Amino acid sequence: MKGTFELNLMPIISLLAVCISFLLLTAVWIQVGSLDVSQAVGTEAKSAPKKTLWLQLNDLNQVDVQVKSARTTRSYKVKRKKLSKKAFLKKLSRSVKGLVKKNAIQTAFILPGAQLPYEDLIHLMDELKGMGIKDLGIAPL
């Protein structure tokens, strides 16, 4: 004698209904964060900026900072010495902030090295945006 087996789908459908309603309710709180970043090298600008800031980071032991204008280029070096990473990033931010205010810079380009941690690059981009730099570019490796 063969028995008939019925699968009760009601609990599965109820669980799916709860999951879908939870998804619809929580989708409201999702925020997409983004930074407006353009490619620094290889694109043609409509009008060339007066002064630009270039930051070359091979690693966090020394950062080469350059302020370039149409005629001149001034170079600065910010060295880490025996500072922690957090203290060095603060020191770098203070140095760059002074240059940005003094030279009224609106455009900055970051040239990251291959060994630079991604989180340090994002932190530096965030700091530059906070300083009022409108156009921020990252040069390819």
C-alpha atoms as a PDB file:
ATOM      1  CA  MET A   1       0.000   0.000   0.000  1.00  0.00           C
ATOM      2  CA  LYS A   2       1.464   3.272  -1.101  1.00  0.00           C
ATOM      3  CA  GLY A   3       1.019   6.255   1.173  1.00  0.00           C
ATOM      4  CA  THR A   4       0.476   9.706  -0.148  1.00  0.00           C
ATOM      5  CA  PHE A   5       2.687  12.425   1.155  1.00  0.00           C
ATOM      6  CA  GLU A   6       1.578  16.037   1.061  1.00  0.00           C
ATOM      7  CA  LEU A   7       4.072  18.828   1.497  1.00  0.00           C
ATOM      8  CA  ASN A   8       2.665  21.740   3.481  1.00  0.00           C
ATOM      9  CA  LEU A   9       3.849  24.906   1.669  1.00  0.00           C
ATOM     10  CA  MET A  10       2.011  27.343   3.912  1.00  0.00           C
ATOM     11  CA  PRO A  11       4.933  27.915   6.374  1.00  0.00           C
ATOM     12  CA  ILE A  12       7.371  28.520   3.498  1.00  0.00           C
ATOM     13  CA  ILE A  13       5.053  31.028   1.839  1.00  0.00           C
ATOM     14  CA  SER A  14       4.540  32.807   5.166  1.00  0.00           C
ATOM     15  CA  LEU A  15       8.296  33.005   5.719  1.00  0.00           C
ATOM     16  CA  LEU A  16       8.849  34.445   2.233  1.00  0.00           C
ATOM     17  CA  ALA A  17       6.095  37.026   2.801  1.00  0.00           C
ATOM     18  CA  VAL A  18       7.796  38.172   6.015  1.00  0.00           C
ATOM     19  CA  CYS A  19      11.209  38.358   4.280  1.00  0.00           C
ATOM     20  CA  ILE A  20       9.827  40.395   1.389  1.00  0.00           C
ATOM     21  CA  SER A  21       8.073  42.842   3.687  1.00  0.00           C
ATOM     22  CA  PHE A  22      11.255  43.203   5.761  1.00  0.00           C
ATOM     23  CA  LEU A  23      13.239  43.891   2.584  1.00  0.00           C
ATOM     24  CA  LEU A  24      10.774  46.558   1.444  1.00  0.00           C
ATOM     25  CA  LEU A  25      10.773  48.282   4.827  1.00  0.00           C
ATOM     26  CA  THR A  26      14.565  48.372   5.225  1.00  0.00           C
ATOM     27  CA  ALA A  27      15.298  49.492   1.645  1.00  0.00           C
ATOM     28  CA  VAL A  28      14.327  53.022   2.678  1.00  0.00           C
ATOM     29  CA  TRP A  29      17.352  53.325   4.983  1.00  0.00           C
ATOM     30  CA  ILE A  30      19.973  52.379   2.406  1.00  0.00           C
ATOM     31  CA  GLN A  31      22.158  55.320   1.419  1.00  0.00           C
ATOM     32  CA  VAL A  32      24.635  55.242  -1.400  1.00  0.00           C
ATOM     33  CA  GLY A  33      27.824  57.133  -0.596  1.00  0.00           C
ATOM     34  CA  SER A  34      30.081  58.335  -3.366  1.00  0.00           C
ATOM     35  CA  LEU A  35      32.889  60.738  -4.053  1.00  0.00           C
ATOM     36  CA  ASP A  36      32.916  62.809  -7.222  1.00  0.00           C
ATOM     37  CA  VAL A  37      36.286  61.784  -8.634  1.00  0.00           C
ATOM     38  CA  SER A  38      37.590  62.145 -12.156  1.00  0.00           C
ATOM     39  CA  GLN A  39      40.562  60.626 -13.909  1.00  0.00           C
ATOM     40  CA  ALA A  40      43.615  62.836 -13.507  1.00  0.00           C
ATOM     41  CA  VAL A  41      45.637  61.749 -16.499  1.00  0.00           C
ATOM     42  CA  GLY A  42      44.418  61.248 -20.028  1.00  0.00           C
ATOM     43  CA  THR A  43      41.377  63.495 -20.064  1.00  0.00           C
ATOM     44  CA  GLU A  44      41.185  66.922 -21.593  1.00  0.00           C
ATOM     45  CA  ALA A  45      39.983  69.657 -19.275  1.00  0.00           C
ATOM     46  CA  LYS A  46      37.714  72.379 -20.647  1.00  0.00           C
ATOM     47  CA  SER A  47      39.694  75.076 -18.902  1.00  0.00           C
ATOM     48  CA  ALA A  48      43.007  74.472 -17.224  1.00  0.00           C
ATOM     49  CA  PRO A  49      43.016  75.285 -13.498  1.00  0.00           C
ATOM     50  CA  LYS A  50      45.280  78.066 -12.278  1.00  0.00           C
ATOM     51  CA  LYS A  51      47.049  76.025  -9.596  1.00  0.00           C
ATOM     52  CA  THR A  52      46.915  72.325  -8.906  1.00  0.00           C
ATOM     53  CA  LEU A  53      48.085  70.206  -6.028  1.00  0.00           C
ATOM     54  CA  TRP A  54      49.844  66.905  -6.745  1.00  0.00           C
ATOM     55  CA  LEU A  55      50.355  64.318  -3.996  1.00  0.00           C
ATOM     56  CA  GLN A  56      52.606  61.356  -4.731  1.00  0.00           C
ATOM     57  CA  LEU A  57      52.313  58.567  -2.177  1.00  0.00           C
ATOM     58  CA  ASN A  58      54.542  55.546  -2.654  1.00  0.00           C
ATOM     59  CA  ASP A  59      54.034  54.526   0.940  1.00  0.00           C
ATOM     60  CA  LEU A  60      53.345  56.409   4.129  1.00  0.00           C
ATOM     61  CA  ASN A  61      56.995  57.114   4.958  1.00  0.00           C
ATOM     62  CA  GLN A  62      57.273  60.147   2.692  1.00  0.00           C
ATOM     63  CA  VAL A  63      54.770  62.104   0.621  1.00  0.00           C
ATOM     64  CA  ASP A  64      55.906  64.344  -2.206  1.00  0.00           C
ATOM     65  CA  VAL A  65      53.641  67.398  -2.497  1.00  0.00           C
ATOM     66  CA  GLN A  66      53.810  69.713  -5.505  1.00  0.00           C
ATOM     67  CA  VAL A  67      51.954  72.927  -6.227  1.00  0.00           C
ATOM     68  CA  LYS A  68      51.925  73.428  -9.980  1.00  0.00           C
ATOM     69  CA  SER A  69      50.893  76.519 -11.877  1.00  0.00           C
ATOM     70  CA  ALA A  70      51.299  77.418 -15.536  1.00  0.00           C
ATOM     71  CA  ARG A  71      54.861  78.649 -15.031  1.00  0.00           C
ATOM     72  CA  THR A  72      56.197  77.279 -11.764  1.00  0.00           C
ATOM     73  CA  THR A  73      56.310  74.131  -9.708  1.00  0.00           C
ATOM     74  CA  ARG A  74      57.024  74.144  -5.990  1.00  0.00           C
ATOM     75  CA  SER A  75      57.908  70.855  -4.323  1.00  0.00           C
ATOM     76  CA  TYR A  76      57.565  69.909  -0.667  1.00  0.00           C
ATOM     77  CA  LYS A  77      58.299  66.682   1.156  1.00  0.00           C
ATOM     78  CA  VAL A  78      56.398  65.539   4.214  1.00  0.00           C
ATOM     79  CA  LYS A  79      58.318  62.834   6.086  1.00  0.00           C
ATOM     80  CA  ARG A  80      56.866  60.414   8.594  1.00  0.00           C
ATOM     81  CA  LYS A  81      59.967  59.935  10.788  1.00  0.00           C
ATOM     82  CA  LYS A  82      58.798  58.139  13.957  1.00  0.00           C
ATOM     83  CA  LEU A  83      55.139  59.137  13.904  1.00  0.00           C
ATOM     84  CA  SER A  84      52.288  56.661  13.957  1.00  0.00           C
ATOM     85  CA  LYS A  85      50.190  56.359  10.812  1.00  0.00           C
ATOM     86  CA  LYS A  86      47.321  58.353  12.335  1.00  0.00           C
ATOM     87  CA  ALA A  87      49.622  61.144  13.552  1.00  0.00           C
ATOM     88  CA  PHE A  88      51.358  61.276  10.176  1.00  0.00           C
ATOM     89  CA  LEU A  89      48.050  61.593   8.317  1.00  0.00           C
ATOM     90  CA  LYS A  90      47.107  64.492  10.617  1.00  0.00           C
ATOM     91  CA  LYS A  91      50.480  66.140   9.972  1.00  0.00           C
ATOM     92  CA  LEU A  92      50.026  65.667   6.218  1.00  0.00           C
ATOM     93  CA  SER A  93      46.508  67.109   6.385  1.00  0.00           C
ATOM     94  CA  ARG A  94      47.729  70.211   8.231  1.00  0.00           C
ATOM     95  CA  SER A  95      50.542  70.755   5.727  1.00  0.00           C
ATOM     96  CA  VAL A  96      48.285  70.344   2.721  1.00  0.00           C
ATOM     97  CA  LYS A  97      45.558  72.509   4.254  1.00  0.00           C
ATOM     98  CA  GLY A  98      48.045  75.364   4.625  1.00  0.00           C
ATOM     99  CA  LEU A  99      49.087  75.045   0.978  1.00  0.00           C
ATOM    100  CA  VAL A 100      45.481  74.897  -0.208  1.00  0.00           C
ATOM    101  CA  LYS A 101      44.523  78.071   1.673  1.00  0.00           C
ATOM    102  CA  LYS A 102      47.692  79.956   0.757  1.00  0.00           C
ATOM    103  CA  ASN A 103      47.477  79.163  -2.968  1.00  0.00           C
ATOM    104  CA  ALA A 104      43.667  79.039  -3.368  1.00  0.00           C
ATOM    105  CA  ILE A 105      43.813  75.564  -4.889  1.00  0.00           C
ATOM    106  CA  GLN A 106      40.616  73.992  -6.215  1.00  0.00           C
ATOM    107  CA  THR A 107      42.096  70.981  -8.035  1.00  0.00           C
ATOM    108  CA  ALA A 108      44.172  68.132  -6.618  1.00  0.00           C
ATOM    109  CA  PHE A 109      45.612  64.954  -8.088  1.00  0.00           C
ATOM    110  CA  ILE A 110      46.705  61.919  -6.102  1.00  0.00           C
ATOM    111  CA  LEU A 111      49.335  59.565  -7.479  1.00  0.00           C
ATOM    112  CA  PRO A 112      49.119  56.464  -5.255  1.00  0.00           C
ATOM    113  CA  GLY A 113      51.828  53.830  -5.159  1.00  0.00           C
ATOM    114  CA  ALA A 114      51.064  50.151  -5.631  1.00  0.00           C
ATOM    115  CA  GLN A 115      51.789  49.358  -1.981  1.00  0.00           C
ATOM    116  CA  LEU A 116      49.605  52.130  -0.515  1.00  0.00           C
ATOM    117  CA  PRO A 117      46.699  50.697   1.518  1.00  0.00           C
ATOM    118  CA  TYR A 118      43.311  51.510   0.029  1.00  0.00           C
ATOM    119  CA  GLU A 119      41.949  52.881   3.320  1.00  0.00           C
ATOM    120  CA  ASP A 120      44.752  55.476   3.469  1.00  0.00           C
ATOM    121  CA  LEU A 121      43.913  56.649  -0.045  1.00  0.00           C
ATOM    122  CA  ILE A 122      40.217  57.004   0.825  1.00  0.00           C
ATOM    123  CA  HIS A 123      41.081  58.866   4.054  1.00  0.00           C
ATOM    124  CA  LEU A 124      43.288  61.287   2.121  1.00  0.00           C
ATOM    125  CA  MET A 125      40.552  61.849  -0.487  1.00  0.00           C
ATOM    126  CA  ASP A 126      38.066  62.565   2.302  1.00  0.00           C
ATOM    127  CA  GLU A 127      40.456  65.069   3.897  1.00  0.00           C
ATOM    128  CA  LEU A 128      41.005  66.858   0.578  1.00  0.00           C
ATOM    129  CA  LYS A 129      37.265  67.124  -0.048  1.00  0.00           C
ATOM    130  CA  GLY A 130      36.871  68.519   3.474  1.00  0.00           C
ATOM    131  CA  MET A 131      39.453  71.219   2.683  1.00  0.00           C
ATOM    132  CA  GLY A 132      37.266  72.573  -0.106  1.00  0.00           C
ATOM    133  CA  ILE A 133      38.972  70.995  -3.102  1.00  0.00           C
ATOM    134  CA  LYS A 134      36.249  70.677  -5.720  1.00  0.00           C
ATOM    135  CA  ASP A 135      38.029  68.653  -8.401  1.00  0.00           C
ATOM    136  CA  LEU A 136      39.849  65.570  -7.203  1.00  0.00           C
ATOM    137  CA  GLY A 137      41.605  63.164  -9.542  1.00  0.00           C
ATOM    138  CA  ILE A 138      43.476  59.922  -9.109  1.00  0.00           C
ATOM    139  CA  ALA A 139      46.255  59.103 -11.540  1.00  0.00           C
ATOM    140  CA  PRO A 140      46.456  55.494 -12.656  1.00  0.00           C
ATOM    141  CA  LEU A 141      49.254  53.356 -11.305  1.00  0.00           C
END
